[in-house]
Amino acid sequence: METIGAYEAKTHLPKLLERVIKGERITITKHGVPVAVLQPPESLRKAEPKQIIAELRNFRAKHCLNGLSIREMIEEGRP
């Protein structure tokens, strides 16, 4: 994680935001003391593929279709 001074952060905010969008975390300091962290929100953070697969398997284990196919559900109008 990079550290940047408050004045420089103010001056280069658009560039810093572009870096944050790409997943970087940047600490902003004032007189050498950390005062803020720029980081992407949870929804924009990239998850590891293994974590996503594990979550999908967990979801499938808890939810069953009770013998229905996805096609049958679509024809019934279920999402």
N, C-alpha and C. Protein backbone atom coordinates (compact mmCIF):
# COMPACT_ATOMS: atom_id res chain seq x y z
N MET A 1 0.86 -1.18 0.00
CA MET A 1 0.00 0.00 0.00
C MET A 1 0.90 1.23 0.00
N GLU A 2 0.58 2.14 -0.88
CA GLU A 2 1.37 3.37 -1.00
C GLU A 2 0.89 4.42 -0.01
N THR A 3 1.80 5.26 0.41
CA THR A 3 1.48 6.38 1.30
C THR A 3 1.72 7.68 0.54
N ILE A 4 0.79 8.62 0.69
CA ILE A 4 0.89 9.89 -0.03
C ILE A 4 0.44 11.01 0.90
N GLY A 5 1.07 12.17 0.78
CA GLY A 5 0.71 13.32 1.60
C GLY A 5 -0.62 13.92 1.18
N ALA A 6 -1.28 14.60 2.12
CA ALA A 6 -2.60 15.18 1.87
C ALA A 6 -2.58 16.20 0.73
N TYR A 7 -1.55 17.04 0.69
CA TYR A 7 -1.49 18.06 -0.37
C TYR A 7 -1.37 17.39 -1.73
N GLU A 8 -0.49 16.41 -1.83
CA GLU A 8 -0.32 15.70 -3.10
C GLU A 8 -1.59 14.94 -3.48
N ALA A 9 -2.27 14.37 -2.48
CA ALA A 9 -3.52 13.66 -2.74
C ALA A 9 -4.57 14.61 -3.31
N LYS A 10 -4.65 15.80 -2.73
CA LYS A 10 -5.61 16.80 -3.21
C LYS A 10 -5.28 17.19 -4.66
N THR A 11 -4.00 17.38 -4.92
CA THR A 11 -3.56 17.82 -6.24
C THR A 11 -3.80 16.75 -7.31
N HIS A 12 -3.63 15.48 -6.95
CA HIS A 12 -3.71 14.38 -7.93
C HIS A 12 -4.88 13.44 -7.67
N LEU A 13 -5.95 13.92 -7.08
CA LEU A 13 -7.07 13.06 -6.72
C LEU A 13 -7.63 12.26 -7.90
N PRO A 14 -7.88 12.85 -9.07
CA PRO A 14 -8.41 12.03 -10.16
C PRO A 14 -7.51 10.85 -10.53
N LYS A 15 -6.21 11.05 -10.54
CA LYS A 15 -5.29 9.96 -10.85
C LYS A 15 -5.31 8.91 -9.75
N LEU A 16 -5.40 9.35 -8.51
CA LEU A 16 -5.46 8.41 -7.40
C LEU A 16 -6.73 7.57 -7.46
N LEU A 17 -7.84 8.20 -7.80
CA LEU A 17 -9.10 7.47 -7.91
C LEU A 17 -9.04 6.41 -9.01
N GLU A 18 -8.38 6.72 -10.11
CA GLU A 18 -8.22 5.73 -11.17
C GLU A 18 -7.43 4.52 -10.66
N ARG A 19 -6.42 4.77 -9.87
CA ARG A 19 -5.62 3.67 -9.30
C ARG A 19 -6.45 2.85 -8.32
N VAL A 20 -7.28 3.53 -7.54
CA VAL A 20 -8.14 2.83 -6.58
C VAL A 20 -9.15 1.95 -7.31
N ILE A 21 -9.69 2.45 -8.41
CA ILE A 21 -10.63 1.66 -9.20
C ILE A 21 -9.98 0.36 -9.66
N LYS A 22 -8.69 0.41 -9.92
CA LYS A 22 -7.97 -0.79 -10.36
C LYS A 22 -7.62 -1.71 -9.20
N GLY A 23 -7.98 -1.33 -7.98
CA GLY A 23 -7.79 -2.21 -6.84
C GLY A 23 -6.72 -1.80 -5.85
N GLU A 24 -6.03 -0.70 -6.08
CA GLU A 24 -4.98 -0.27 -5.16
C GLU A 24 -5.57 0.35 -3.90
N ARG A 25 -4.80 0.28 -2.82
CA ARG A 25 -5.13 0.97 -1.57
C ARG A 25 -4.05 2.02 -1.34
N ILE A 26 -4.46 3.22 -0.99
CA ILE A 26 -3.53 4.33 -0.81
C ILE A 26 -3.82 5.00 0.54
N THR A 27 -2.78 5.12 1.36
CA THR A 27 -2.91 5.79 2.65
C THR A 27 -2.56 7.26 2.47
N ILE A 28 -3.41 8.14 2.99
CA ILE A 28 -3.16 9.57 2.93
C ILE A 28 -2.69 10.01 4.32
N THR A 29 -1.59 10.77 4.32
CA THR A 29 -1.02 11.23 5.59
C THR A 29 -1.08 12.75 5.68
N LYS A 30 -1.06 13.24 6.91
CA LYS A 30 -0.97 14.67 7.17
C LYS A 30 0.16 14.84 8.17
N HIS A 31 1.22 15.51 7.75
CA HIS A 31 2.43 15.67 8.57
C HIS A 31 2.99 14.31 8.99
N GLY A 32 2.91 13.34 8.07
CA GLY A 32 3.46 12.02 8.32
C GLY A 32 2.58 11.08 9.12
N VAL A 33 1.41 11.54 9.52
CA VAL A 33 0.50 10.71 10.31
C VAL A 33 -0.64 10.23 9.41
N PRO A 34 -0.90 8.92 9.31
CA PRO A 34 -2.01 8.43 8.48
C PRO A 34 -3.35 8.99 8.96
N VAL A 35 -4.12 9.54 8.02
CA VAL A 35 -5.43 10.10 8.37
C VAL A 35 -6.57 9.47 7.58
N ALA A 36 -6.26 8.81 6.46
CA ALA A 36 -7.31 8.21 5.64
C ALA A 36 -6.72 7.14 4.75
N VAL A 37 -7.60 6.27 4.28
CA VAL A 37 -7.20 5.24 3.33
C VAL A 37 -8.19 5.27 2.17
N LEU A 38 -7.66 5.39 0.96
CA LEU A 38 -8.48 5.29 -0.25
C LEU A 38 -8.44 3.83 -0.68
N GLN A 39 -9.61 3.22 -0.80
CA GLN A 39 -9.66 1.83 -1.24
C GLN A 39 -10.99 1.59 -1.94
N PRO A 40 -11.04 0.61 -2.83
CA PRO A 40 -12.31 0.34 -3.51
C PRO A 40 -13.34 -0.21 -2.52
N PRO A 41 -14.61 0.07 -2.78
CA PRO A 41 -15.65 -0.50 -1.91
C PRO A 41 -15.69 -2.01 -2.09
N GLU A 42 -16.30 -2.69 -1.15
CA GLU A 42 -16.35 -4.16 -1.19
C GLU A 42 -16.88 -4.67 -2.53
N SER A 43 -17.88 -4.00 -3.09
CA SER A 43 -18.49 -4.49 -4.33
C SER A 43 -17.54 -4.44 -5.52
N LEU A 44 -16.52 -3.60 -5.48
CA LEU A 44 -15.58 -3.51 -6.59
C LEU A 44 -14.31 -4.33 -6.40
N ARG A 45 -14.12 -4.83 -5.22
CA ARG A 45 -12.91 -5.62 -4.98
C ARG A 45 -13.01 -6.94 -5.72
N LYS A 46 -11.90 -7.33 -6.29
CA LYS A 46 -11.86 -8.59 -7.03
C LYS A 46 -11.71 -9.74 -6.05
N ALA A 47 -12.59 -10.71 -6.17
CA ALA A 47 -12.52 -11.88 -5.31
C ALA A 47 -11.71 -12.97 -6.00
N GLU A 48 -11.11 -13.80 -5.21
CA GLU A 48 -10.35 -14.92 -5.73
C GLU A 48 -11.32 -15.93 -6.35
N PRO A 49 -10.98 -16.49 -7.52
CA PRO A 49 -11.86 -17.49 -8.14
C PRO A 49 -12.18 -18.67 -7.22
N LYS A 50 -11.20 -19.13 -6.44
CA LYS A 50 -11.46 -20.25 -5.52
C LYS A 50 -12.51 -19.87 -4.49
N GLN A 51 -12.49 -18.63 -4.03
CA GLN A 51 -13.48 -18.17 -3.05
C GLN A 51 -14.86 -18.12 -3.68
N ILE A 52 -14.96 -17.64 -4.90
CA ILE A 52 -16.26 -17.57 -5.59
C ILE A 52 -16.82 -18.96 -5.81
N ILE A 53 -15.98 -19.89 -6.24
CA ILE A 53 -16.43 -21.26 -6.47
C ILE A 53 -16.93 -21.89 -5.17
N ALA A 54 -16.20 -21.67 -4.09
CA ALA A 54 -16.63 -22.20 -2.79
C ALA A 54 -17.97 -21.62 -2.37
N GLU A 55 -18.17 -20.33 -2.59
CA GLU A 55 -19.45 -19.69 -2.24
C GLU A 55 -20.60 -20.24 -3.09
N LEU A 56 -20.34 -20.47 -4.38
CA LEU A 56 -21.37 -21.05 -5.25
C LEU A 56 -21.73 -22.47 -4.79
N ARG A 57 -20.73 -23.26 -4.46
CA ARG A 57 -21.00 -24.63 -3.99
C ARG A 57 -21.79 -24.60 -2.69
N ASN A 58 -21.45 -23.69 -1.80
CA ASN A 58 -22.18 -23.55 -0.55
C ASN A 58 -23.64 -23.16 -0.81
N PHE A 59 -23.85 -22.23 -1.73
CA PHE A 59 -25.20 -21.81 -2.08
C PHE A 59 -26.00 -22.97 -2.64
N ARG A 60 -25.38 -23.73 -3.56
CA ARG A 60 -26.08 -24.87 -4.17
C ARG A 60 -26.43 -25.93 -3.14
N ALA A 61 -25.57 -26.11 -2.14
CA ALA A 61 -25.84 -27.11 -1.11
C ALA A 61 -27.06 -26.73 -0.26
N LYS A 62 -27.29 -25.45 -0.11
CA LYS A 62 -28.40 -24.98 0.73
C LYS A 62 -29.71 -24.78 -0.04
N HIS A 63 -29.65 -24.72 -1.36
CA HIS A 63 -30.84 -24.44 -2.16
C HIS A 63 -31.02 -25.55 -3.19
N CYS A 64 -32.17 -26.22 -3.14
CA CYS A 64 -32.43 -27.26 -4.14
C CYS A 64 -33.67 -26.86 -4.94
N LEU A 65 -33.79 -27.46 -6.10
CA LEU A 65 -34.89 -27.13 -7.01
C LEU A 65 -36.07 -28.08 -6.85
N ASN A 66 -35.96 -29.04 -5.93
CA ASN A 66 -37.04 -30.01 -5.69
C ASN A 66 -37.49 -30.68 -6.98
N GLY A 67 -36.56 -31.09 -7.79
CA GLY A 67 -36.88 -31.82 -9.01
C GLY A 67 -37.21 -30.96 -10.22
N LEU A 68 -37.34 -29.66 -10.04
CA LEU A 68 -37.64 -28.78 -11.17
C LEU A 68 -36.37 -28.48 -11.96
N SER A 69 -36.53 -28.33 -13.25
CA SER A 69 -35.41 -27.89 -14.07
C SER A 69 -35.49 -26.37 -14.21
N ILE A 70 -34.41 -25.78 -14.59
CA ILE A 70 -34.42 -24.33 -14.80
C ILE A 70 -35.41 -23.98 -15.90
N ARG A 71 -35.49 -24.80 -16.94
CA ARG A 71 -36.44 -24.56 -18.04
C ARG A 71 -37.87 -24.53 -17.51
N GLU A 72 -38.23 -25.48 -16.63
CA GLU A 72 -39.58 -25.51 -16.06
C GLU A 72 -39.86 -24.26 -15.24
N MET A 73 -38.87 -23.82 -14.49
CA MET A 73 -39.06 -22.61 -13.70
C MET A 73 -39.25 -21.39 -14.59
N ILE A 74 -38.50 -21.32 -15.68
CA ILE A 74 -38.65 -20.19 -16.62
C ILE A 74 -40.06 -20.21 -17.21
N GLU A 75 -40.52 -21.40 -17.59
CA GLU A 75 -41.85 -21.50 -18.20
C GLU A 75 -42.95 -21.14 -17.19
N GLU A 76 -42.71 -21.39 -15.91
CA GLU A 76 -43.68 -21.02 -14.87
C GLU A 76 -43.61 -19.53 -14.55
N GLY A 77 -42.55 -18.86 -14.98
CA GLY A 77 -42.40 -17.45 -14.70
C GLY A 77 -41.64 -17.15 -13.43
N ARG A 78 -40.94 -18.15 -12.90
CA ARG A 78 -40.12 -17.92 -11.70
C ARG A 78 -38.77 -17.37 -12.10
N PRO A 79 -38.24 -16.47 -11.30
CA PRO A 79 -36.88 -15.97 -11.60
C PRO A 79 -35.84 -17.00 -11.21
